[in-house]
Amino acid sequence: MLSDLTRKASKEYGVLDEDNQVARRDPAHRGGQRGYGSQRRPHGLRADLQEEDLRVAAGSPPSVPPGDIDTILFDAGGTLVFPDCSRVANLIGCKGEDCAGRLAESWYRTIYAYDELLLVTGKDWRGSPGDGMWTWFWNRMAEAAGLPPVSEEAAADIVESNRASNLWDQANPDAEPLLAHLAGRYRLGVVSNSDGTVAATLSKLGLDRWFSVIVDSEVVGVSKPDPGIFRHALEALDSEPERTVYVGDSYALDVRGASNAGVHPILLDPHGLHRYRGVPCIQALSELKQLF
């Protein structure tokens, strides 16, 4: 169960409904995708958050000057790699042939709702012991995919399965071609909120060879959106923040963290959910080839 404070804030701002399921009034919900491609703030996002926390005005996304950039950093989960949705489907007891595909399609809508929860409650990215963060997260993903609710037991099974063998072991198919395109012309690195396994995961997928530094929050003891985690990468690469771009899929963690570190953020937003925020967005990693 979420704490009373989290539940109250989540209900108020459209993240959860009365049963701690995902509320259907946010634009990330499947079948409720209003506001795509517009500059309007979705229902449920506080106006003061846009001014105080988002730190950008709504309007056309600002440009990133590629000629001034010599370093590109990447988030890992949701950007370079994705969870194995076949494993997730099995763990939640979904037997349909299309379960894994539907879960995969729901990823970015789930991250949008996750961002809203973090912005509204100020919670740590992993939640707190006993607050039901991951039960909420996997329920959000299943609900966005149009699947039945995930029990607390099934959510715990997913967490345990990830501990036994990293769940985020599916490479973004755009990653390898993009990194090959950028290599030799830019300093490349990874900055990830993870559990100490991100370097091994990228090595298993053959992606680690492109990066001069891989920063894992569990290893360095600081996590996004704290700007300190970015400084670890910048120092290792001897890079300046104003000449660095960071690419990630979470507004609350990646965009705010990079901005706080003085780094140029680019948000991976395939469905256009964040356009109203006025931050640079791409719909696919492959688009970076046109920028850099």
C-alpha atoms as a PDB file:
ATOM      1  CA  MET A   1       0.000   0.000   0.000  1.00  0.00           C
ATOM      2  CA  LEU A   2       1.174   3.535  -0.691  1.00  0.00           C
ATOM      3  CA  SER A   3       1.574   5.794   2.300  1.00  0.00           C
ATOM      4  CA  ASP A   4      -1.347   8.068   3.167  1.00  0.00           C
ATOM      5  CA  LEU A   5       0.591  11.115   1.947  1.00  0.00           C
ATOM      6  CA  THR A   6       1.453   9.511  -1.369  1.00  0.00           C
ATOM      7  CA  ARG A   7      -2.081   8.217  -1.861  1.00  0.00           C
ATOM      8  CA  LYS A   8      -3.613  11.608  -1.099  1.00  0.00           C
ATOM      9  CA  ALA A   9      -1.300  13.473  -3.456  1.00  0.00           C
ATOM     10  CA  SER A  10      -1.625  10.847  -6.168  1.00  0.00           C
ATOM     11  CA  LYS A  11      -5.430  10.945  -6.090  1.00  0.00           C
ATOM     12  CA  GLU A  12      -5.453  14.730  -6.095  1.00  0.00           C
ATOM     13  CA  TYR A  13      -3.248  15.027  -9.145  1.00  0.00           C
ATOM     14  CA  GLY A  14      -4.644  12.189 -11.187  1.00  0.00           C
ATOM     15  CA  VAL A  15      -2.010   9.501 -10.719  1.00  0.00           C
ATOM     16  CA  LEU A  16      -4.054   6.952  -8.760  1.00  0.00           C
ATOM     17  CA  ASP A  17      -7.725   6.335  -8.357  1.00  0.00           C
ATOM     18  CA  GLU A  18      -9.617   5.301  -5.216  1.00  0.00           C
ATOM     19  CA  ASP A  19      -8.367   1.714  -5.480  1.00  0.00           C
ATOM     20  CA  ASN A  20      -4.717   2.737  -5.930  1.00  0.00           C
ATOM     21  CA  GLN A  21      -5.032   1.898  -9.613  1.00  0.00           C
ATOM     22  CA  VAL A  22      -4.034   4.321 -12.325  1.00  0.00           C
ATOM     23  CA  ALA A  23      -6.509   7.129 -12.681  1.00  0.00           C
ATOM     24  CA  ARG A  24      -8.051   7.451 -16.111  1.00  0.00           C
ATOM     25  CA  ARG A  25      -7.876  11.212 -16.162  1.00  0.00           C
ATOM     26  CA  ASP A  26      -4.203  11.529 -17.074  1.00  0.00           C
ATOM     27  CA  PRO A  27      -3.245  11.746 -20.774  1.00  0.00           C
ATOM     28  CA  ALA A  28      -0.842   8.819 -20.463  1.00  0.00           C
ATOM     29  CA  HIS A  29      -3.720   6.386 -19.995  1.00  0.00           C
ATOM     30  CA  ARG A  30      -4.452   4.181 -22.957  1.00  0.00           C
ATOM     31  CA  GLY A  31      -7.580   5.465 -24.609  1.00  0.00           C
ATOM     32  CA  GLY A  32      -7.244   8.842 -22.900  1.00  0.00           C
ATOM     33  CA  GLN A  33      -4.418  10.335 -24.920  1.00  0.00           C
ATOM     34  CA  ARG A  34      -5.714  13.868 -25.074  1.00  0.00           C
ATOM     35  CA  GLY A  35      -3.183  16.635 -25.409  1.00  0.00           C
ATOM     36  CA  TYR A  36      -0.761  14.720 -27.658  1.00  0.00           C
ATOM     37  CA  GLY A  37       1.159  17.143 -29.771  1.00  0.00           C
ATOM     38  CA  SER A  38      -0.223  20.168 -27.966  1.00  0.00           C
ATOM     39  CA  GLN A  39       1.366  22.680 -25.633  1.00  0.00           C
ATOM     40  CA  ARG A  40      -1.409  22.375 -23.049  1.00  0.00           C
ATOM     41  CA  ARG A  41      -0.611  21.040 -19.615  1.00  0.00           C
ATOM     42  CA  PRO A  42      -2.393  17.698 -19.032  1.00  0.00           C
ATOM     43  CA  HIS A  43      -5.135  17.631 -16.447  1.00  0.00           C
ATOM     44  CA  GLY A  44      -3.707  16.682 -13.080  1.00  0.00           C
ATOM     45  CA  LEU A  45      -0.382  18.574 -13.291  1.00  0.00           C
ATOM     46  CA  ARG A  46      -0.177  21.434 -10.817  1.00  0.00           C
ATOM     47  CA  ALA A  47       0.354  24.865 -12.363  1.00  0.00           C
ATOM     48  CA  ASP A  48       2.974  25.698  -9.738  1.00  0.00           C
ATOM     49  CA  LEU A  49       4.914  22.577 -10.699  1.00  0.00           C
ATOM     50  CA  GLN A  50       5.224  23.884 -14.228  1.00  0.00           C
ATOM     51  CA  GLU A  51       6.758  27.123 -12.947  1.00  0.00           C
ATOM     52  CA  GLU A  52       8.649  25.917  -9.896  1.00  0.00           C
ATOM     53  CA  ASP A  53       9.839  22.420 -10.784  1.00  0.00           C
ATOM     54  CA  LEU A  54       9.666  22.180 -14.546  1.00  0.00           C
ATOM     55  CA  ARG A  55      11.772  25.341 -14.880  1.00  0.00           C
ATOM     56  CA  VAL A  56      10.871  25.823 -18.528  1.00  0.00           C
ATOM     57  CA  ALA A  57       8.092  27.741 -20.214  1.00  0.00           C
ATOM     58  CA  ALA A  58       5.628  25.975 -22.453  1.00  0.00           C
ATOM     59  CA  GLY A  59       6.228  26.588 -26.133  1.00  0.00           C
ATOM     60  CA  SER A  60       8.494  25.386 -28.912  1.00  0.00           C
ATOM     61  CA  PRO A  61      11.250  23.085 -27.658  1.00  0.00           C
ATOM     62  CA  PRO A  62      14.584  24.919 -27.382  1.00  0.00           C
ATOM     63  CA  SER A  63      17.342  23.847 -29.755  1.00  0.00           C
ATOM     64  CA  VAL A  64      20.584  22.201 -28.695  1.00  0.00           C
ATOM     65  CA  PRO A  65      23.583  23.687 -30.557  1.00  0.00           C
ATOM     66  CA  PRO A  66      25.331  20.536 -31.906  1.00  0.00           C
ATOM     67  CA  GLY A  67      28.467  22.459 -32.876  1.00  0.00           C
ATOM     68  CA  ASP A  68      29.079  23.319 -29.232  1.00  0.00           C
ATOM     69  CA  ILE A  69      28.674  19.740 -27.966  1.00  0.00           C
ATOM     70  CA  ASP A  70      31.570  17.325 -27.474  1.00  0.00           C
ATOM     71  CA  THR A  71      30.047  14.888 -24.928  1.00  0.00           C
ATOM     72  CA  ILE A  72      26.834  12.836 -25.043  1.00  0.00           C
ATOM     73  CA  LEU A  73      25.597  10.940 -21.992  1.00  0.00           C
ATOM     74  CA  PHE A  74      22.764   8.434 -21.948  1.00  0.00           C
ATOM     75  CA  ASP A  75      20.321   7.046 -19.446  1.00  0.00           C
ATOM     76  CA  ALA A  76      20.166   3.242 -19.479  1.00  0.00           C
ATOM     77  CA  GLY A  77      16.712   1.835 -18.588  1.00  0.00           C
ATOM     78  CA  GLY A  78      14.038   3.021 -21.024  1.00  0.00           C
ATOM     79  CA  THR A  79      16.656   4.615 -23.277  1.00  0.00           C
ATOM     80  CA  LEU A  80      19.389   2.121 -24.171  1.00  0.00           C
ATOM     81  CA  VAL A  81      17.725  -0.961 -22.664  1.00  0.00           C
ATOM     82  CA  PHE A  82      14.225  -2.133 -21.786  1.00  0.00           C
ATOM     83  CA  PRO A  83      12.760  -4.718 -19.431  1.00  0.00           C
ATOM     84  CA  ASP A  84      12.108  -8.193 -20.791  1.00  0.00           C
ATOM     85  CA  CYS A  85       8.343  -7.923 -21.092  1.00  0.00           C
ATOM     86  CA  SER A  86       7.997 -11.646 -21.803  1.00  0.00           C
ATOM     87  CA  ARG A  87       9.356 -12.317 -18.321  1.00  0.00           C
ATOM     88  CA  VAL A  88       7.061  -9.678 -16.856  1.00  0.00           C
ATOM     89  CA  ALA A  89       4.046 -11.191 -18.636  1.00  0.00           C
ATOM     90  CA  ASN A  90       4.873 -14.638 -17.262  1.00  0.00           C
ATOM     91  CA  LEU A  91       5.356 -13.310 -13.744  1.00  0.00           C
ATOM     92  CA  ILE A  92       1.999 -11.527 -13.706  1.00  0.00           C
ATOM     93  CA  GLY A  93       0.256 -14.576 -15.181  1.00  0.00           C
ATOM     94  CA  CYS A  94      -0.652 -13.057 -18.551  1.00  0.00           C
ATOM     95  CA  LYS A  95      -0.806 -15.912 -21.054  1.00  0.00           C
ATOM     96  CA  GLY A  96      -1.995 -14.146 -24.196  1.00  0.00           C
ATOM     97  CA  GLU A  97       0.304 -14.093 -27.213  1.00  0.00           C
ATOM     98  CA  ASP A  98       0.235 -10.299 -27.308  1.00  0.00           C
ATOM     99  CA  CYS A  99       0.837  -9.682 -23.577  1.00  0.00           C
ATOM    100  CA  ALA A 100       4.546  -8.923 -23.905  1.00  0.00           C
ATOM    101  CA  GLY A 101       4.020  -6.588 -26.848  1.00  0.00           C
ATOM    102  CA  ARG A 102       1.252  -4.696 -25.085  1.00  0.00           C
ATOM    103  CA  LEU A 103       3.409  -4.272 -21.983  1.00  0.00           C
ATOM    104  CA  ALA A 104       6.316  -3.020 -24.087  1.00  0.00           C
ATOM    105  CA  GLU A 105       4.045  -0.508 -25.818  1.00  0.00           C
ATOM    106  CA  SER A 106       2.918   0.832 -22.445  1.00  0.00           C
ATOM    107  CA  TRP A 107       6.424   1.669 -21.197  1.00  0.00           C
ATOM    108  CA  TYR A 108       6.545   5.403 -21.972  1.00  0.00           C
ATOM    109  CA  ARG A 109       2.994   6.021 -20.763  1.00  0.00           C
ATOM    110  CA  THR A 110       3.971   4.306 -17.537  1.00  0.00           C
ATOM    111  CA  ILE A 111       7.074   6.484 -17.210  1.00  0.00           C
ATOM    112  CA  TYR A 112       4.942   9.580 -17.761  1.00  0.00           C
ATOM    113  CA  ALA A 113       2.714   8.588 -14.824  1.00  0.00           C
ATOM    114  CA  TYR A 114       5.812   7.679 -12.786  1.00  0.00           C
ATOM    115  CA  ASP A 115       7.225  11.151 -13.474  1.00  0.00           C
ATOM    116  CA  GLU A 116       4.009  12.732 -12.277  1.00  0.00           C
ATOM    117  CA  LEU A 117       4.086  10.673  -9.090  1.00  0.00           C
ATOM    118  CA  LEU A 118       7.679  11.718  -8.359  1.00  0.00           C
ATOM    119  CA  LEU A 119       6.975  15.381  -9.098  1.00  0.00           C
ATOM    120  CA  VAL A 120       3.845  15.472  -6.961  1.00  0.00           C
ATOM    121  CA  THR A 121       5.126  13.539  -3.964  1.00  0.00           C
ATOM    122  CA  GLY A 122       8.855  14.278  -4.021  1.00  0.00           C
ATOM    123  CA  LYS A 123       9.518  10.582  -3.473  1.00  0.00           C
ATOM    124  CA  ASP A 124      12.855   8.901  -4.100  1.00  0.00           C
ATOM    125  CA  TRP A 125      12.985   7.139  -7.471  1.00  0.00           C
ATOM    126  CA  ARG A 126      12.881   3.727  -5.760  1.00  0.00           C
ATOM    127  CA  GLY A 127      10.167   4.676  -3.283  1.00  0.00           C
ATOM    128  CA  SER A 128      10.446   3.815   0.395  1.00  0.00           C
ATOM    129  CA  PRO A 129      10.332   0.378   2.059  1.00  0.00           C
ATOM    130  CA  GLY A 130       6.747  -0.807   2.381  1.00  0.00           C
ATOM    131  CA  ASP A 131       5.136   2.027   0.404  1.00  0.00           C
ATOM    132  CA  GLY A 132       4.105  -0.152  -2.549  1.00  0.00           C
ATOM    133  CA  MET A 133       5.940   1.883  -5.201  1.00  0.00           C
ATOM    134  CA  TRP A 134       6.675  -1.108  -7.399  1.00  0.00           C
ATOM    135  CA  THR A 135       3.226  -2.609  -6.956  1.00  0.00           C
ATOM    136  CA  TRP A 136       1.935   0.728  -8.216  1.00  0.00           C
ATOM    137  CA  PHE A 137       4.468   0.825 -11.072  1.00  0.00           C
ATOM    138  CA  TRP A 138       3.709  -2.623 -12.474  1.00  0.00           C
ATOM    139  CA  ASN A 139      -0.028  -2.035 -12.038  1.00  0.00           C
ATOM    140  CA  ARG A 140       0.363   1.190 -13.978  1.00  0.00           C
ATOM    141  CA  MET A 141       2.167  -0.642 -16.768  1.00  0.00           C
ATOM    142  CA  ALA A 142      -0.423  -3.432 -16.917  1.00  0.00           C
ATOM    143  CA  GLU A 143      -3.314  -0.978 -16.790  1.00  0.00           C
ATOM    144  CA  ALA A 144      -1.829   1.139 -19.585  1.00  0.00           C
ATOM    145  CA  ALA A 145      -1.517  -2.077 -21.607  1.00  0.00           C
ATOM    146  CA  GLY A 146      -5.163  -2.935 -20.979  1.00  0.00           C
ATOM    147  CA  LEU A 147      -4.288  -5.962 -18.834  1.00  0.00           C
ATOM    148  CA  PRO A 148      -5.740  -7.097 -15.484  1.00  0.00           C
ATOM    149  CA  PRO A 149      -4.362  -5.642 -12.222  1.00  0.00           C
ATOM    150  CA  VAL A 150      -1.065  -6.941 -10.842  1.00  0.00           C
ATOM    151  CA  SER A 151      -1.215  -8.368  -7.325  1.00  0.00           C
ATOM    152  CA  GLU A 152       1.244  -7.394  -4.611  1.00  0.00           C
ATOM    153  CA  GLU A 153       2.583 -10.948  -4.760  1.00  0.00           C
ATOM    154  CA  ALA A 154       3.176 -10.768  -8.511  1.00  0.00           C
ATOM    155  CA  ALA A 155       4.867  -7.364  -8.163  1.00  0.00           C
ATOM    156  CA  ALA A 156       7.135  -8.831  -5.483  1.00  0.00           C
ATOM    157  CA  ASP A 157       7.925 -11.727  -7.834  1.00  0.00           C
ATOM    158  CA  ILE A 158       9.007  -9.235 -10.510  1.00  0.00           C
ATOM    159  CA  VAL A 159      11.307  -7.473  -8.043  1.00  0.00           C
ATOM    160  CA  GLU A 160      12.785 -10.790  -6.906  1.00  0.00           C
ATOM    161  CA  SER A 161      13.235 -11.984 -10.488  1.00  0.00           C
ATOM    162  CA  ASN A 162      15.106  -8.782 -11.275  1.00  0.00           C
ATOM    163  CA  ARG A 163      17.390  -9.347  -8.294  1.00  0.00           C
ATOM    164  CA  ALA A 164      18.172 -12.853  -9.501  1.00  0.00           C
ATOM    165  CA  SER A 165      18.785 -11.809 -13.104  1.00  0.00           C
ATOM    166  CA  ASN A 166      18.574  -8.226 -14.353  1.00  0.00           C
ATOM    167  CA  LEU A 167      15.217  -7.672 -16.011  1.00  0.00           C
ATOM    168  CA  TRP A 168      16.461  -4.771 -18.144  1.00  0.00           C
ATOM    169  CA  ASP A 169      18.292  -6.940 -20.681  1.00  0.00           C
ATOM    170  CA  GLN A 170      16.633  -5.978 -23.969  1.00  0.00           C
ATOM    171  CA  ALA A 171      18.654  -3.556 -26.092  1.00  0.00           C
ATOM    172  CA  ASN A 172      16.963  -0.666 -27.838  1.00  0.00           C
ATOM    173  CA  PRO A 173      17.441  -1.611 -31.525  1.00  0.00           C
ATOM    174  CA  ASP A 174      18.350   1.995 -32.304  1.00  0.00           C
ATOM    175  CA  ALA A 175      21.188   2.043 -29.763  1.00  0.00           C
ATOM    176  CA  GLU A 176      23.959   0.177 -31.602  1.00  0.00           C
ATOM    177  CA  PRO A 177      23.641   2.052 -34.932  1.00  0.00           C
ATOM    178  CA  LEU A 178      23.469   5.393 -33.127  1.00  0.00           C
ATOM    179  CA  LEU A 179      26.495   4.706 -30.927  1.00  0.00           C
ATOM    180  CA  ALA A 180      28.497   3.557 -33.940  1.00  0.00           C
ATOM    181  CA  HIS A 181      27.560   6.834 -35.646  1.00  0.00           C
ATOM    182  CA  LEU A 182      28.639   8.950 -32.649  1.00  0.00           C
ATOM    183  CA  ALA A 183      31.787   7.037 -31.657  1.00  0.00           C
ATOM    184  CA  GLY A 184      35.066   8.778 -32.373  1.00  0.00           C
ATOM    185  CA  ARG A 185      33.393  12.168 -32.710  1.00  0.00           C
ATOM    186  CA  TYR A 186      31.938  12.539 -29.205  1.00  0.00           C
ATOM    187  CA  ARG A 187      32.866  11.426 -25.707  1.00  0.00           C
ATOM    188  CA  LEU A 188      30.184   8.942 -24.711  1.00  0.00           C
ATOM    189  CA  GLY A 189      29.002   7.850 -21.282  1.00  0.00           C
ATOM    190  CA  VAL A 190      26.097   6.418 -19.297  1.00  0.00           C
ATOM    191  CA  VAL A 191      24.517   7.872 -16.154  1.00  0.00           C
ATOM    192  CA  SER A 192      21.942   5.505 -14.672  1.00  0.00           C
ATOM    193  CA  ASN A 193      19.848   5.091 -11.564  1.00  0.00           C
ATOM    194  CA  SER A 194      20.451   1.402 -11.095  1.00  0.00           C
ATOM    195  CA  ASP A 195      21.232  -1.315  -8.599  1.00  0.00           C
ATOM    196  CA  GLY A 196      24.903  -1.857  -9.304  1.00  0.00           C
ATOM    197  CA  THR A 197      24.338  -4.000 -12.409  1.00  0.00           C
ATOM    198  CA  VAL A 198      24.135  -1.523 -15.281  1.00  0.00           C
ATOM    199  CA  ALA A 199      27.743  -1.995 -16.439  1.00  0.00           C
ATOM    200  CA  ALA A 200      27.334  -5.785 -16.492  1.00  0.00           C
ATOM    201  CA  THR A 201      24.030  -5.473 -18.354  1.00  0.00           C
ATOM    202  CA  LEU A 202      25.527  -3.233 -21.035  1.00  0.00           C
ATOM    203  CA  SER A 203      28.514  -5.570 -21.297  1.00  0.00           C
ATOM    204  CA  LYS A 204      26.216  -8.566 -21.797  1.00  0.00           C
ATOM    205  CA  LEU A 205      24.507  -6.733 -24.642  1.00  0.00           C
ATOM    206  CA  GLY A 206      27.794  -5.585 -26.178  1.00  0.00           C
ATOM    207  CA  LEU A 207      26.991  -1.917 -25.687  1.00  0.00           C
ATOM    208  CA  ASP A 208      29.616  -1.119 -23.055  1.00  0.00           C
ATOM    209  CA  ARG A 209      32.378  -0.901 -25.663  1.00  0.00           C
ATOM    210  CA  TRP A 210      31.037   2.422 -26.882  1.00  0.00           C
ATOM    211  CA  PHE A 211      31.287   4.178 -23.519  1.00  0.00           C
ATOM    212  CA  SER A 212      34.291   5.654 -21.745  1.00  0.00           C
ATOM    213  CA  VAL A 213      32.408   5.845 -18.441  1.00  0.00           C
ATOM    214  CA  ILE A 214      29.357   4.098 -16.978  1.00  0.00           C
ATOM    215  CA  VAL A 215      28.028   5.668 -13.783  1.00  0.00           C
ATOM    216  CA  ASP A 216      25.689   3.566 -11.639  1.00  0.00           C
ATOM    217  CA  SER A 217      23.861   5.304  -8.783  1.00  0.00           C
ATOM    218  CA  GLU A 218      24.272   2.300  -6.503  1.00  0.00           C
ATOM    219  CA  VAL A 219      28.043   2.363  -7.021  1.00  0.00           C
ATOM    220  CA  VAL A 220      28.628   6.099  -6.600  1.00  0.00           C
ATOM    221  CA  GLY A 221      26.031   6.618  -3.856  1.00  0.00           C
ATOM    222  CA  VAL A 222      24.037   9.416  -5.504  1.00  0.00           C
ATOM    223  CA  SER A 223      21.077   9.199  -7.887  1.00  0.00           C
ATOM    224  CA  LYS A 224      19.200  11.379 -10.351  1.00  0.00           C
ATOM    225  CA  PRO A 225      17.908  14.041 -10.192  1.00  0.00           C
ATOM    226  CA  ASP A 226      20.814  14.995  -7.887  1.00  0.00           C
ATOM    227  CA  PRO A 227      23.339  16.780 -10.129  1.00  0.00           C
ATOM    228  CA  GLY A 228      26.165  15.043  -8.288  1.00  0.00           C
ATOM    229  CA  ILE A 229      25.728  11.849 -10.300  1.00  0.00           C
ATOM    230  CA  PHE A 230      26.372  13.760 -13.523  1.00  0.00           C
ATOM    231  CA  ARG A 231      29.541  15.282 -12.089  1.00  0.00           C
ATOM    232  CA  HIS A 232      30.995  11.783 -11.717  1.00  0.00           C
ATOM    233  CA  ALA A 233      30.651  11.275 -15.469  1.00  0.00           C
ATOM    234  CA  LEU A 234      31.814  14.767 -16.415  1.00  0.00           C
ATOM    235  CA  GLU A 235      34.941  14.493 -14.279  1.00  0.00           C
ATOM    236  CA  ALA A 236      35.779  11.049 -15.653  1.00  0.00           C
ATOM    237  CA  LEU A 237      35.419  12.323 -19.221  1.00  0.00           C
ATOM    238  CA  ASP A 238      37.093  15.694 -18.519  1.00  0.00           C
ATOM    239  CA  SER A 239      33.990  17.314 -20.010  1.00  0.00           C
ATOM    240  CA  GLU A 240      32.231  20.602 -19.328  1.00  0.00           C
ATOM    241  CA  PRO A 241      28.473  20.549 -18.604  1.00  0.00           C
ATOM    242  CA  GLU A 242      27.700  23.303 -21.119  1.00  0.00           C
ATOM    243  CA  ARG A 243      29.246  21.153 -23.868  1.00  0.00           C
ATOM    244  CA  THR A 244      27.370  18.016 -22.814  1.00  0.00           C
ATOM    245  CA  VAL A 245      23.999  16.521 -23.773  1.00  0.00           C
ATOM    246  CA  TYR A 246      22.087  13.965 -21.706  1.00  0.00           C
ATOM    247  CA  VAL A 247      19.460  11.715 -23.291  1.00  0.00           C
ATOM    248  CA  GLY A 248      16.858   9.971 -21.138  1.00  0.00           C
ATOM    249  CA  ASP A 249      13.196   8.986 -20.944  1.00  0.00           C
ATOM    250  CA  SER A 250      12.174  10.496 -17.577  1.00  0.00           C
ATOM    251  CA  TYR A 251      11.343  14.157 -17.121  1.00  0.00           C
ATOM    252  CA  ALA A 252      11.457  13.999 -13.313  1.00  0.00           C
ATOM    253  CA  LEU A 253      14.823  12.248 -13.151  1.00  0.00           C
ATOM    254  CA  ASP A 254      16.663  12.826 -16.422  1.00  0.00           C
ATOM    255  CA  VAL A 255      15.633  16.297 -17.555  1.00  0.00           C
ATOM    256  CA  ARG A 256      15.619  17.850 -14.075  1.00  0.00           C
ATOM    257  CA  GLY A 257      18.846  16.104 -13.107  1.00  0.00           C
ATOM    258  CA  ALA A 258      20.724  17.124 -16.240  1.00  0.00           C
ATOM    259  CA  SER A 259      19.410  20.696 -16.029  1.00  0.00           C
ATOM    260  CA  ASN A 260      20.458  20.946 -12.394  1.00  0.00           C
ATOM    261  CA  ALA A 261      23.964  19.868 -13.453  1.00  0.00           C
ATOM    262  CA  GLY A 262      24.101  22.454 -16.244  1.00  0.00           C
ATOM    263  CA  VAL A 263      23.867  19.749 -18.919  1.00  0.00           C
ATOM    264  CA  HIS A 264      21.600  20.034 -21.991  1.00  0.00           C
ATOM    265  CA  PRO A 265      18.738  17.508 -21.648  1.00  0.00           C
ATOM    266  CA  ILE A 266      17.021  15.695 -24.508  1.00  0.00           C
ATOM    267  CA  LEU A 267      13.917  13.707 -23.583  1.00  0.00           C
ATOM    268  CA  LEU A 268      13.055  10.472 -25.377  1.00  0.00           C
ATOM    269  CA  ASP A 269       9.289  10.856 -25.755  1.00  0.00           C
ATOM    270  CA  PRO A 270       7.852   8.628 -28.510  1.00  0.00           C
ATOM    271  CA  HIS A 271       4.206   9.552 -27.833  1.00  0.00           C
ATOM    272  CA  GLY A 272       4.619  13.315 -27.445  1.00  0.00           C
ATOM    273  CA  LEU A 273       3.400  13.234 -23.841  1.00  0.00           C
ATOM    274  CA  HIS A 274       5.846  15.902 -22.669  1.00  0.00           C
ATOM    275  CA  ARG A 275       5.652  18.404 -25.513  1.00  0.00           C
ATOM    276  CA  TYR A 276       3.886  20.971 -23.367  1.00  0.00           C
ATOM    277  CA  ARG A 277       6.916  21.134 -21.063  1.00  0.00           C
ATOM    278  CA  GLY A 278       9.026  22.987 -23.623  1.00  0.00           C
ATOM    279  CA  VAL A 279      12.071  20.707 -23.425  1.00  0.00           C
ATOM    280  CA  PRO A 280      13.942  19.214 -26.392  1.00  0.00           C
ATOM    281  CA  CYS A 281      12.248  15.918 -27.281  1.00  0.00           C
ATOM    282  CA  ILE A 282      12.905  13.117 -29.733  1.00  0.00           C
ATOM    283  CA  GLN A 283      10.609  10.230 -30.616  1.00  0.00           C
ATOM    284  CA  ALA A 284      13.413   7.724 -31.259  1.00  0.00           C
ATOM    285  CA  LEU A 285      17.135   7.477 -30.563  1.00  0.00           C
ATOM    286  CA  SER A 286      17.762   7.321 -34.306  1.00  0.00           C
ATOM    287  CA  GLU A 287      16.747  10.988 -34.562  1.00  0.00           C
ATOM    288  CA  LEU A 288      19.990  11.930 -32.822  1.00  0.00           C
ATOM    289  CA  LYS A 289      21.842  11.042 -36.022  1.00  0.00           C
ATOM    290  CA  GLN A 290      20.267  14.102 -37.589  1.00  0.00           C
ATOM    291  CA  LEU A 291      21.414  16.333 -34.724  1.00  0.00           C
ATOM    292  CA  PHE A 292      24.943  15.092 -34.131  1.00  0.00           C
END
